[in-house]
Amino acid sequence: MPMAMPAGGTNDHGSHSSHGHDVGPAGSTYDLRWIDAMVQHHTGALRMSEFVFNVGAPGVGALANTIWADQAIEIKAMGQWRKAWYPEAPIYPVVLRPGGDPNAMEDLIRMSAEQIAGMRMMGSTPTAQSRVTWFLEGMLEHHGAALQMARDALEKSKNPTILLMAQEIILAQQHEIIQLRGMLRQGGLHKPSYYQFDELFWP
């Protein structure tokens, strides 16, 4: 039976602004910057998923629970790597200051509230009527940004652990993008923008 999408909900994903997710050039602080960015990005996915845990739409709540569980594990792992690899780093998330040296810890500055919000891609809070489409379209955009960040890590990181995680993110999230598209299609939504990240899929 087709999954009913709320009337007027087809544009709700627009509030999940697709901010730039480039964490800067390669260098000795790249992995730290990437970890901090990805932790914030994953945190956004957790918060988005919580809006649809118990929703009645077929498969949506189960997918949200899977996303939450998988990304919570990755957040914990990245936190442990950060402590082990960068014990001298500030406790707050960091970014490279404009024009900064990517090899210099002293050129890292605190990630601003605006940058954190951009990484999380939460957008506005959905209504009870709009939350299914808000989650499906928003998570598709969110996963697309994660694919971009993972591809960036594959180009710039030299750390085998980061490289493996980047590969795992691509494989898991391209599979979930396909699931998200299928759920949207069941609700009568089928847009060209749903395919904009296919070029980032793992062959």
N, C-alpha and C. Protein backbone atom coordinates (compact mmCIF):
# COMPACT_ATOMS: atom_id res chain seq x y z
N MET A 1 0.85 -1.19 0.00
CA MET A 1 0.00 0.00 0.00
C MET A 1 0.88 1.25 0.00
N PRO A 2 0.62 2.21 -0.89
CA PRO A 2 1.48 3.39 -0.96
C PRO A 2 1.52 4.14 0.36
N MET A 3 2.66 4.70 0.66
CA MET A 3 2.82 5.46 1.88
C MET A 3 2.34 6.88 1.64
N ALA A 4 1.40 7.33 2.43
CA ALA A 4 0.84 8.66 2.25
C ALA A 4 1.81 9.72 2.73
N MET A 5 2.08 10.69 1.86
CA MET A 5 2.91 11.83 2.25
C MET A 5 1.99 13.00 2.58
N PRO A 6 2.35 13.80 3.58
CA PRO A 6 1.51 14.91 3.96
C PRO A 6 1.39 15.94 2.87
N ALA A 7 0.20 16.48 2.72
CA ALA A 7 -0.01 17.52 1.72
C ALA A 7 0.87 18.71 2.03
N GLY A 8 1.45 19.27 0.98
CA GLY A 8 2.29 20.44 1.17
C GLY A 8 3.64 20.15 1.77
N GLY A 9 3.97 18.87 1.95
CA GLY A 9 5.23 18.55 2.60
C GLY A 9 6.39 18.35 1.65
N THR A 10 6.16 18.48 0.37
CA THR A 10 7.19 18.13 -0.58
C THR A 10 8.35 19.12 -0.62
N ASN A 11 8.19 20.29 0.00
CA ASN A 11 9.28 21.25 0.00
C ASN A 11 9.96 21.38 1.34
N ASP A 12 9.57 20.52 2.31
CA ASP A 12 10.09 20.65 3.66
C ASP A 12 11.59 20.44 3.73
N HIS A 13 12.12 19.66 2.78
CA HIS A 13 13.54 19.38 2.85
C HIS A 13 14.38 20.61 2.57
N GLY A 14 13.75 21.65 1.99
CA GLY A 14 14.49 22.85 1.65
C GLY A 14 15.10 23.52 2.86
N SER A 15 14.56 23.26 4.04
CA SER A 15 15.11 23.87 5.23
C SER A 15 16.40 23.20 5.68
N HIS A 16 16.71 22.04 5.12
CA HIS A 16 17.96 21.36 5.44
C HIS A 16 19.04 21.93 4.53
N SER A 17 19.47 23.14 4.84
CA SER A 17 20.40 23.85 3.97
C SER A 17 21.67 23.05 3.74
N SER A 18 22.08 22.97 2.49
CA SER A 18 23.29 22.23 2.15
C SER A 18 24.49 23.17 2.22
N HIS A 19 25.04 23.33 3.39
CA HIS A 19 26.20 24.19 3.58
C HIS A 19 27.46 23.50 3.06
N GLY A 20 28.53 24.29 2.88
CA GLY A 20 29.78 23.72 2.46
C GLY A 20 30.34 22.79 3.53
N HIS A 21 30.80 21.64 3.12
CA HIS A 21 31.33 20.66 4.06
C HIS A 21 32.81 20.39 3.84
N ASP A 22 33.49 21.31 3.17
CA ASP A 22 34.93 21.18 2.97
C ASP A 22 35.64 21.56 4.26
N VAL A 23 36.45 20.65 4.79
CA VAL A 23 37.14 20.92 6.05
C VAL A 23 38.54 21.49 5.83
N GLY A 24 38.86 21.80 4.59
CA GLY A 24 40.13 22.45 4.33
C GLY A 24 41.16 21.52 3.71
N PRO A 25 42.35 22.05 3.48
CA PRO A 25 43.39 21.28 2.79
C PRO A 25 43.98 20.16 3.62
N ALA A 26 44.66 19.27 2.94
CA ALA A 26 45.38 18.19 3.62
C ALA A 26 46.49 18.79 4.48
N GLY A 27 46.87 18.04 5.50
CA GLY A 27 47.90 18.48 6.41
C GLY A 27 47.84 17.67 7.68
N SER A 28 48.73 17.95 8.61
CA SER A 28 48.80 17.13 9.82
C SER A 28 47.59 17.29 10.73
N THR A 29 46.82 18.37 10.55
CA THR A 29 45.59 18.54 11.34
C THR A 29 44.34 18.14 10.58
N TYR A 30 44.50 17.62 9.37
CA TYR A 30 43.31 17.30 8.56
C TYR A 30 42.39 16.31 9.25
N ASP A 31 42.94 15.22 9.77
CA ASP A 31 42.10 14.19 10.38
C ASP A 31 41.34 14.73 11.58
N LEU A 32 41.96 15.60 12.36
CA LEU A 32 41.27 16.23 13.49
C LEU A 32 40.11 17.08 13.00
N ARG A 33 40.36 17.88 11.98
CA ARG A 33 39.29 18.72 11.43
C ARG A 33 38.17 17.88 10.85
N TRP A 34 38.53 16.81 10.17
CA TRP A 34 37.53 15.92 9.56
C TRP A 34 36.70 15.23 10.64
N ILE A 35 37.35 14.73 11.67
CA ILE A 35 36.63 14.09 12.78
C ILE A 35 35.64 15.06 13.40
N ASP A 36 36.09 16.27 13.71
CA ASP A 36 35.20 17.23 14.36
C ASP A 36 34.01 17.58 13.47
N ALA A 37 34.26 17.71 12.17
CA ALA A 37 33.17 18.01 11.25
C ALA A 37 32.21 16.83 11.14
N MET A 38 32.75 15.63 11.03
CA MET A 38 31.89 14.46 10.86
C MET A 38 31.10 14.15 12.13
N VAL A 39 31.67 14.38 13.29
CA VAL A 39 30.93 14.18 14.54
C VAL A 39 29.72 15.12 14.57
N GLN A 40 29.92 16.36 14.20
CA GLN A 40 28.78 17.30 14.18
C GLN A 40 27.76 16.89 13.12
N HIS A 41 28.25 16.43 11.98
CA HIS A 41 27.34 16.00 10.91
C HIS A 41 26.52 14.79 11.38
N HIS A 42 27.18 13.82 11.97
CA HIS A 42 26.47 12.64 12.49
C HIS A 42 25.48 13.03 13.58
N THR A 43 25.85 13.99 14.42
CA THR A 43 24.94 14.43 15.48
C THR A 43 23.65 14.96 14.88
N GLY A 44 23.76 15.67 13.78
CA GLY A 44 22.56 16.14 13.10
C GLY A 44 21.67 14.99 12.64
N ALA A 45 22.29 13.92 12.13
CA ALA A 45 21.52 12.75 11.70
C ALA A 45 20.79 12.11 12.87
N LEU A 46 21.45 12.04 14.03
CA LEU A 46 20.79 11.50 15.22
C LEU A 46 19.56 12.32 15.58
N ARG A 47 19.71 13.63 15.59
CA ARG A 47 18.60 14.50 15.98
C ARG A 47 17.45 14.41 14.98
N MET A 48 17.78 14.36 13.70
CA MET A 48 16.74 14.23 12.69
C MET A 48 16.00 12.91 12.84
N SER A 49 16.73 11.83 13.09
CA SER A 49 16.12 10.50 13.20
C SER A 49 15.14 10.43 14.36
N GLU A 50 15.44 11.15 15.44
CA GLU A 50 14.59 11.09 16.63
C GLU A 50 13.18 11.60 16.38
N PHE A 51 12.99 12.40 15.35
CA PHE A 51 11.66 12.93 15.04
C PHE A 51 10.73 11.87 14.46
N VAL A 52 11.29 10.75 13.98
CA VAL A 52 10.43 9.76 13.30
C VAL A 52 10.61 8.36 13.87
N PHE A 53 11.15 8.24 15.08
CA PHE A 53 11.34 6.92 15.66
C PHE A 53 10.06 6.10 15.68
N ASN A 54 8.96 6.70 16.07
CA ASN A 54 7.71 5.96 16.26
C ASN A 54 6.64 6.33 15.24
N VAL A 55 7.07 6.85 14.11
CA VAL A 55 6.12 7.25 13.09
C VAL A 55 5.49 6.01 12.45
N GLY A 56 4.26 6.15 11.97
CA GLY A 56 3.55 5.00 11.43
C GLY A 56 3.88 4.64 10.00
N ALA A 57 4.56 5.52 9.27
CA ALA A 57 4.86 5.24 7.87
C ALA A 57 5.75 4.00 7.75
N PRO A 58 5.41 3.06 6.87
CA PRO A 58 6.14 1.79 6.77
C PRO A 58 7.64 1.97 6.52
N GLY A 59 8.43 1.39 7.38
CA GLY A 59 9.87 1.36 7.20
C GLY A 59 10.62 2.59 7.65
N VAL A 60 9.94 3.71 7.83
CA VAL A 60 10.62 4.96 8.13
C VAL A 60 11.22 4.93 9.53
N GLY A 61 10.44 4.53 10.51
CA GLY A 61 10.94 4.46 11.88
C GLY A 61 12.10 3.48 12.02
N ALA A 62 11.99 2.34 11.35
CA ALA A 62 13.06 1.34 11.41
C ALA A 62 14.35 1.87 10.80
N LEU A 63 14.25 2.57 9.68
CA LEU A 63 15.43 3.15 9.06
C LEU A 63 16.05 4.21 9.96
N ALA A 64 15.20 5.03 10.58
CA ALA A 64 15.69 6.06 11.49
C ALA A 64 16.44 5.44 12.66
N ASN A 65 15.92 4.36 13.20
CA ASN A 65 16.59 3.68 14.31
C ASN A 65 17.94 3.11 13.87
N THR A 66 18.00 2.57 12.66
CA THR A 66 19.26 2.03 12.14
C THR A 66 20.29 3.14 11.97
N ILE A 67 19.86 4.25 11.37
CA ILE A 67 20.76 5.38 11.18
C ILE A 67 21.28 5.88 12.53
N TRP A 68 20.37 6.01 13.51
CA TRP A 68 20.76 6.51 14.83
C TRP A 68 21.80 5.58 15.47
N ALA A 69 21.51 4.29 15.45
CA ALA A 69 22.41 3.33 16.10
C ALA A 69 23.79 3.29 15.43
N ASP A 70 23.81 3.24 14.10
CA ASP A 70 25.08 3.16 13.37
C ASP A 70 25.92 4.40 13.58
N GLN A 71 25.29 5.56 13.51
CA GLN A 71 26.07 6.80 13.59
C GLN A 71 26.46 7.12 15.03
N ALA A 72 25.70 6.66 16.00
CA ALA A 72 26.10 6.82 17.40
C ALA A 72 27.38 6.03 17.68
N ILE A 73 27.48 4.84 17.10
CA ILE A 73 28.69 4.02 17.25
C ILE A 73 29.88 4.74 16.63
N GLU A 74 29.68 5.33 15.45
CA GLU A 74 30.77 6.02 14.78
C GLU A 74 31.19 7.28 15.53
N ILE A 75 30.23 7.99 16.12
CA ILE A 75 30.55 9.17 16.92
C ILE A 75 31.44 8.77 18.10
N LYS A 76 31.10 7.69 18.77
CA LYS A 76 31.90 7.22 19.90
C LYS A 76 33.31 6.85 19.45
N ALA A 77 33.41 6.14 18.34
CA ALA A 77 34.72 5.74 17.82
C ALA A 77 35.57 6.95 17.48
N MET A 78 34.97 7.93 16.80
CA MET A 78 35.73 9.12 16.41
C MET A 78 36.18 9.91 17.64
N GLY A 79 35.37 9.93 18.68
CA GLY A 79 35.77 10.60 19.91
C GLY A 79 36.97 9.92 20.55
N GLN A 80 37.00 8.61 20.50
CA GLN A 80 38.14 7.87 21.05
C GLN A 80 39.40 8.11 20.23
N TRP A 81 39.27 8.12 18.89
CA TRP A 81 40.43 8.39 18.04
C TRP A 81 40.97 9.79 18.30
N ARG A 82 40.06 10.75 18.46
CA ARG A 82 40.48 12.13 18.69
C ARG A 82 41.34 12.23 19.95
N LYS A 83 40.89 11.60 21.02
CA LYS A 83 41.65 11.65 22.27
C LYS A 83 43.01 10.97 22.13
N ALA A 84 43.05 9.86 21.41
CA ALA A 84 44.29 9.10 21.26
C ALA A 84 45.28 9.80 20.33
N TRP A 85 44.79 10.37 19.24
CA TRP A 85 45.67 10.94 18.23
C TRP A 85 46.02 12.40 18.48
N TYR A 86 45.11 13.12 19.13
CA TYR A 86 45.31 14.57 19.33
C TYR A 86 45.06 14.95 20.79
N PRO A 87 45.84 14.42 21.73
CA PRO A 87 45.62 14.72 23.14
C PRO A 87 45.80 16.21 23.46
N GLU A 88 46.53 16.92 22.60
CA GLU A 88 46.78 18.34 22.83
C GLU A 88 45.68 19.24 22.25
N ALA A 89 44.72 18.66 21.54
CA ALA A 89 43.68 19.45 20.89
C ALA A 89 42.70 20.00 21.92
N PRO A 90 42.09 21.14 21.63
CA PRO A 90 41.05 21.67 22.52
C PRO A 90 39.89 20.69 22.63
N ILE A 91 39.11 20.80 23.69
CA ILE A 91 37.99 19.88 23.86
C ILE A 91 36.84 20.23 22.93
N TYR A 92 36.81 21.46 22.44
CA TYR A 92 35.73 21.89 21.55
C TYR A 92 36.08 21.55 20.09
N PRO A 93 35.08 21.45 19.22
CA PRO A 93 35.35 21.17 17.80
C PRO A 93 36.07 22.34 17.14
N VAL A 94 36.96 22.02 16.22
CA VAL A 94 37.80 23.05 15.62
C VAL A 94 37.69 23.06 14.09
N VAL A 95 38.09 24.20 13.54
CA VAL A 95 38.22 24.38 12.09
C VAL A 95 39.52 25.13 11.84
N LEU A 96 39.98 25.11 10.61
CA LEU A 96 41.18 25.86 10.25
C LEU A 96 40.80 27.31 10.02
N ARG A 97 41.52 28.22 10.65
CA ARG A 97 41.21 29.64 10.45
C ARG A 97 41.51 30.02 9.01
N PRO A 98 40.83 31.05 8.48
CA PRO A 98 41.10 31.48 7.10
C PRO A 98 42.57 31.79 6.88
N GLY A 99 43.15 31.18 5.87
CA GLY A 99 44.55 31.38 5.56
C GLY A 99 45.51 30.66 6.48
N GLY A 100 44.98 29.80 7.34
CA GLY A 100 45.81 29.11 8.31
C GLY A 100 46.65 28.00 7.72
N ASP A 101 47.66 27.61 8.48
CA ASP A 101 48.55 26.53 8.09
C ASP A 101 47.90 25.19 8.46
N PRO A 102 47.61 24.32 7.49
CA PRO A 102 46.94 23.05 7.79
C PRO A 102 47.80 22.08 8.58
N ASN A 103 49.04 22.44 8.82
CA ASN A 103 49.93 21.61 9.63
C ASN A 103 50.15 22.17 11.04
N ALA A 104 49.50 23.28 11.34
CA ALA A 104 49.75 23.97 12.61
C ALA A 104 48.55 23.89 13.53
N MET A 105 48.70 23.27 14.69
CA MET A 105 47.62 23.16 15.66
C MET A 105 47.18 24.55 16.14
N GLU A 106 48.12 25.49 16.21
CA GLU A 106 47.78 26.83 16.69
C GLU A 106 46.93 27.63 15.70
N ASP A 107 46.79 27.13 14.48
CA ASP A 107 45.96 27.80 13.50
C ASP A 107 44.54 27.25 13.46
N LEU A 108 44.21 26.39 14.40
CA LEU A 108 42.85 25.89 14.53
C LEU A 108 42.07 26.78 15.48
N ILE A 109 40.84 27.08 15.12
CA ILE A 109 39.97 27.90 15.96
C ILE A 109 38.68 27.16 16.25
N ARG A 110 37.95 27.67 17.21
CA ARG A 110 36.72 27.01 17.63
C ARG A 110 35.67 27.06 16.52
N MET A 111 35.02 25.95 16.26
CA MET A 111 33.94 25.89 15.30
C MET A 111 32.78 26.75 15.81
N SER A 112 32.32 27.66 14.97
CA SER A 112 31.26 28.58 15.40
C SER A 112 29.91 27.87 15.46
N ALA A 113 28.97 28.51 16.13
CA ALA A 113 27.61 27.96 16.20
C ALA A 113 27.01 27.82 14.80
N GLU A 114 27.31 28.79 13.94
CA GLU A 114 26.79 28.73 12.57
C GLU A 114 27.41 27.56 11.80
N GLN A 115 28.70 27.33 12.02
CA GLN A 115 29.36 26.20 11.35
C GLN A 115 28.84 24.87 11.87
N ILE A 116 28.59 24.78 13.16
CA ILE A 116 28.02 23.56 13.73
C ILE A 116 26.63 23.30 13.15
N ALA A 117 25.81 24.35 13.09
CA ALA A 117 24.46 24.20 12.52
C ALA A 117 24.54 23.79 11.06
N GLY A 118 25.51 24.35 10.33
CA GLY A 118 25.67 23.98 8.93
C GLY A 118 26.07 22.53 8.76
N MET A 119 26.95 22.04 9.64
CA MET A 119 27.35 20.65 9.57
C MET A 119 26.19 19.71 9.93
N ARG A 120 25.41 20.11 10.90
CA ARG A 120 24.31 19.24 11.34
C ARG A 120 23.16 19.20 10.34
N MET A 121 22.94 20.28 9.58
CA MET A 121 21.91 20.32 8.53
C MET A 121 20.52 19.99 9.06
N MET A 122 20.23 20.42 10.27
CA MET A 122 18.93 20.11 10.86
C MET A 122 17.78 20.88 10.20
N GLY A 123 18.02 22.13 9.88
CA GLY A 123 16.94 22.94 9.35
C GLY A 123 15.92 23.25 10.42
N SER A 124 14.73 23.58 9.99
CA SER A 124 13.66 23.92 10.93
C SER A 124 13.00 22.66 11.48
N THR A 125 12.35 22.81 12.61
CA THR A 125 11.66 21.67 13.23
C THR A 125 10.42 21.32 12.43
N PRO A 126 10.21 20.04 12.13
CA PRO A 126 9.03 19.67 11.34
C PRO A 126 7.77 19.63 12.19
N THR A 127 6.64 19.63 11.53
CA THR A 127 5.36 19.41 12.21
C THR A 127 5.06 17.92 12.22
N ALA A 128 4.06 17.53 12.98
CA ALA A 128 3.65 16.13 12.99
C ALA A 128 3.22 15.67 11.61
N GLN A 129 2.65 16.59 10.84
CA GLN A 129 2.16 16.24 9.50
C GLN A 129 3.29 16.19 8.47
N SER A 130 4.33 16.97 8.67
CA SER A 130 5.38 17.07 7.66
C SER A 130 6.61 16.22 7.96
N ARG A 131 6.68 15.62 9.13
CA ARG A 131 7.94 15.03 9.56
C ARG A 131 8.43 13.87 8.71
N VAL A 132 7.55 13.10 8.09
CA VAL A 132 8.01 11.98 7.28
C VAL A 132 8.77 12.47 6.06
N THR A 133 8.15 13.38 5.29
CA THR A 133 8.83 13.93 4.12
C THR A 133 10.05 14.74 4.53
N TRP A 134 9.92 15.50 5.61
CA TRP A 134 11.05 16.28 6.15
C TRP A 134 12.24 15.37 6.42
N PHE A 135 11.99 14.23 7.03
CA PHE A 135 13.07 13.30 7.35
C PHE A 135 13.63 12.65 6.08
N LEU A 136 12.78 12.13 5.22
CA LEU A 136 13.25 11.39 4.06
C LEU A 136 14.03 12.28 3.10
N GLU A 137 13.48 13.44 2.77
CA GLU A 137 14.19 14.33 1.85
C GLU A 137 15.40 14.96 2.54
N GLY A 138 15.24 15.32 3.81
CA GLY A 138 16.35 15.92 4.53
C GLY A 138 17.50 14.96 4.74
N MET A 139 17.18 13.70 5.06
CA MET A 139 18.25 12.72 5.28
C MET A 139 18.95 12.37 3.97
N LEU A 140 18.22 12.42 2.88
CA LEU A 140 18.86 12.18 1.58
C LEU A 140 19.92 13.26 1.32
N GLU A 141 19.56 14.52 1.57
CA GLU A 141 20.53 15.61 1.43
C GLU A 141 21.68 15.45 2.43
N HIS A 142 21.34 15.07 3.65
CA HIS A 142 22.32 14.90 4.71
C HIS A 142 23.33 13.81 4.35
N HIS A 143 22.83 12.69 3.86
CA HIS A 143 23.72 11.60 3.44
C HIS A 143 24.59 12.03 2.26
N GLY A 144 24.03 12.84 1.37
CA GLY A 144 24.82 13.32 0.24
C GLY A 144 26.02 14.14 0.70
N ALA A 145 25.81 14.97 1.72
CA ALA A 145 26.93 15.75 2.26
C ALA A 145 27.96 14.84 2.90
N ALA A 146 27.51 13.77 3.55
CA ALA A 146 28.45 12.81 4.15
C ALA A 146 29.27 12.12 3.07
N LEU A 147 28.66 11.82 1.93
CA LEU A 147 29.41 11.23 0.82
C LEU A 147 30.50 12.19 0.35
N GLN A 148 30.17 13.48 0.28
CA GLN A 148 31.17 14.47 -0.13
C GLN A 148 32.33 14.51 0.85
N MET A 149 32.02 14.48 2.14
CA MET A 149 33.06 14.51 3.15
C MET A 149 33.91 13.25 3.12
N ALA A 150 33.27 12.11 2.89
CA ALA A 150 34.01 10.85 2.82
C ALA A 150 34.94 10.83 1.62
N ARG A 151 34.45 11.33 0.49
CA ARG A 151 35.30 11.39 -0.71
C ARG A 151 36.48 12.33 -0.48
N ASP A 152 36.23 13.42 0.24
CA ASP A 152 37.30 14.35 0.56
C ASP A 152 38.38 13.67 1.39
N ALA A 153 37.95 12.88 2.36
CA ALA A 153 38.91 12.17 3.21
C ALA A 153 39.74 11.17 2.39
N LEU A 154 39.11 10.51 1.44
CA LEU A 154 39.84 9.56 0.61
C LEU A 154 40.94 10.24 -0.20
N GLU A 155 40.73 11.51 -0.51
CA GLU A 155 41.73 12.26 -1.28
C GLU A 155 42.82 12.86 -0.40
N LYS A 156 42.49 13.21 0.84
CA LYS A 156 43.40 14.03 1.63
C LYS A 156 44.01 13.34 2.86
N SER A 157 43.34 12.34 3.39
CA SER A 157 43.86 11.69 4.60
C SER A 157 44.86 10.60 4.24
N LYS A 158 45.80 10.37 5.14
CA LYS A 158 46.76 9.28 5.00
C LYS A 158 46.58 8.24 6.11
N ASN A 159 45.58 8.45 6.94
CA ASN A 159 45.35 7.58 8.09
C ASN A 159 44.49 6.39 7.67
N PRO A 160 44.97 5.16 7.79
CA PRO A 160 44.21 3.99 7.35
C PRO A 160 42.85 3.86 8.04
N THR A 161 42.77 4.28 9.30
CA THR A 161 41.50 4.18 10.03
C THR A 161 40.47 5.14 9.46
N ILE A 162 40.90 6.37 9.17
CA ILE A 162 39.99 7.35 8.57
C ILE A 162 39.59 6.91 7.16
N LEU A 163 40.53 6.40 6.41
CA LEU A 163 40.24 5.94 5.05
C LEU A 163 39.24 4.80 5.06
N LEU A 164 39.37 3.88 6.02
CA LEU A 164 38.42 2.78 6.12
C LEU A 164 37.04 3.29 6.51
N MET A 165 36.98 4.22 7.47
CA MET A 165 35.68 4.77 7.84
C MET A 165 35.03 5.50 6.67
N ALA A 166 35.82 6.24 5.90
CA ALA A 166 35.27 6.95 4.75
C ALA A 166 34.65 5.97 3.76
N GLN A 167 35.33 4.86 3.52
CA GLN A 167 34.78 3.84 2.62
C GLN A 167 33.50 3.25 3.17
N GLU A 168 33.48 2.99 4.47
CA GLU A 168 32.29 2.42 5.10
C GLU A 168 31.12 3.40 5.06
N ILE A 169 31.40 4.68 5.24
CA ILE A 169 30.34 5.69 5.16
C ILE A 169 29.74 5.71 3.77
N ILE A 170 30.58 5.68 2.75
CA ILE A 170 30.07 5.70 1.38
C ILE A 170 29.18 4.49 1.12
N LEU A 171 29.64 3.31 1.48
CA LEU A 171 28.87 2.10 1.20
C LEU A 171 27.54 2.08 1.96
N ALA A 172 27.57 2.46 3.24
CA ALA A 172 26.35 2.43 4.05
C ALA A 172 25.36 3.49 3.59
N GLN A 173 25.86 4.69 3.34
CA GLN A 173 24.93 5.78 3.08
C GLN A 173 24.43 5.80 1.65
N GLN A 174 25.18 5.25 0.70
CA GLN A 174 24.61 5.14 -0.63
C GLN A 174 23.47 4.11 -0.63
N HIS A 175 23.62 3.06 0.17
CA HIS A 175 22.53 2.07 0.30
C HIS A 175 21.30 2.72 0.93
N GLU A 176 21.51 3.55 1.93
CA GLU A 176 20.37 4.20 2.59
C GLU A 176 19.75 5.28 1.70
N ILE A 177 20.55 5.95 0.87
CA ILE A 177 19.98 6.90 -0.08
C ILE A 177 19.00 6.19 -1.01
N ILE A 178 19.36 5.00 -1.46
CA ILE A 178 18.47 4.23 -2.32
C ILE A 178 17.19 3.86 -1.56
N GLN A 179 17.33 3.50 -0.29
CA GLN A 179 16.14 3.20 0.53
C GLN A 179 15.27 4.44 0.69
N LEU A 180 15.89 5.58 0.96
CA LEU A 180 15.14 6.83 1.13
C LEU A 180 14.38 7.17 -0.15
N ARG A 181 15.03 7.00 -1.30
CA ARG A 181 14.35 7.27 -2.57
C ARG A 181 13.16 6.35 -2.77
N GLY A 182 13.34 5.08 -2.39
CA GLY A 182 12.23 4.14 -2.54
C GLY A 182 11.04 4.52 -1.68
N MET A 183 11.29 4.97 -0.45
CA MET A 183 10.21 5.38 0.43
C MET A 183 9.52 6.64 -0.10
N LEU A 184 10.29 7.56 -0.63
CA LEU A 184 9.70 8.76 -1.23
C LEU A 184 8.85 8.40 -2.45
N ARG A 185 9.35 7.46 -3.24
CA ARG A 185 8.60 7.03 -4.42
C ARG A 185 7.28 6.39 -4.02
N GLN A 186 7.29 5.62 -2.94
CA GLN A 186 6.04 5.02 -2.45
C GLN A 186 5.02 6.08 -2.06
N GLY A 187 5.51 7.24 -1.65
CA GLY A 187 4.62 8.34 -1.29
C GLY A 187 4.30 9.26 -2.45
N GLY A 188 4.70 8.87 -3.64
CA GLY A 188 4.37 9.66 -4.82
C GLY A 188 5.36 10.75 -5.15
N LEU A 189 6.54 10.73 -4.52
CA LEU A 189 7.55 11.75 -4.76
C LEU A 189 8.72 11.16 -5.53
N HIS A 190 9.06 11.82 -6.64
CA HIS A 190 10.15 11.31 -7.49
C HIS A 190 10.75 12.52 -8.20
N LYS A 191 11.87 13.03 -7.66
CA LYS A 191 12.46 14.26 -8.17
C LYS A 191 13.88 14.00 -8.69
N PRO A 192 14.28 14.74 -9.73
CA PRO A 192 15.66 14.60 -10.21
C PRO A 192 16.71 14.87 -9.13
N SER A 193 16.39 15.76 -8.19
CA SER A 193 17.35 16.10 -7.13
C SER A 193 17.68 14.91 -6.24
N TYR A 194 16.82 13.89 -6.23
CA TYR A 194 17.09 12.71 -5.41
C TYR A 194 18.30 11.92 -5.93
N TYR A 195 18.73 12.22 -7.16
CA TYR A 195 19.81 11.46 -7.78
C TYR A 195 21.11 12.27 -7.90
N GLN A 196 21.15 13.43 -7.27
CA GLN A 196 22.28 14.33 -7.47
C GLN A 196 23.59 13.80 -6.88
N PHE A 197 23.50 12.82 -5.97
CA PHE A 197 24.71 12.33 -5.31
C PHE A 197 25.18 10.98 -5.86
N ASP A 198 24.53 10.48 -6.89
CA ASP A 198 24.89 9.16 -7.41
C ASP A 198 26.33 9.07 -7.89
N GLU A 199 26.87 10.18 -8.37
CA GLU A 199 28.24 10.17 -8.88
C GLU A 199 29.26 9.95 -7.76
N LEU A 200 28.81 10.08 -6.52
CA LEU A 200 29.70 9.87 -5.37
C LEU A 200 29.62 8.45 -4.83
N PHE A 201 28.74 7.63 -5.40
CA PHE A 201 28.58 6.25 -4.94
C PHE A 201 29.87 5.48 -5.20
N TRP A 202 30.07 4.46 -4.36
CA TRP A 202 31.20 3.55 -4.58
C TRP A 202 30.87 2.64 -5.74
N PRO A 203 31.82 2.43 -6.66
CA PRO A 203 31.52 1.59 -7.85
C PRO A 203 31.09 0.19 -7.46
